[in-house]
Amino acid sequence: MVNKGQQLRTKRKLSASISGSCNLPLTRIEKELVDIGFYPAGADQVAIAMEHRPHELYLEILLDEGRCIHSYLLVTFEEKNKNSENSAGESR
């Protein structure tokens, strides 16, 4: 069972870090994300996915052509799974 207080603190810390790093190269914030507890879960040319398993958080960072941070999505595993289920139901 995840501690909701710790989850919220991690979300706030991450939001502050990324908000201050928008339009900067991803490499400038990757170490900070790992220090917070996020680990890579996948990547391609336009996005990188990371997870913080102890706090059950999923992070997706969208990148621009220069691999700078364009935007991000931070949700709980529960929200991510719910969205995945809804998307699967719509495609049937």
Foldseek 3Di string as FASTA:
>chain_A
DADVVLLVVLVVVVCVQVVVFAPHAPVVCPVVCVVSQWDWPDDDQFWTWIARVNRQKIKIFGADNVNGTHDMDIDGNVVVVVVVVVVVVVVD
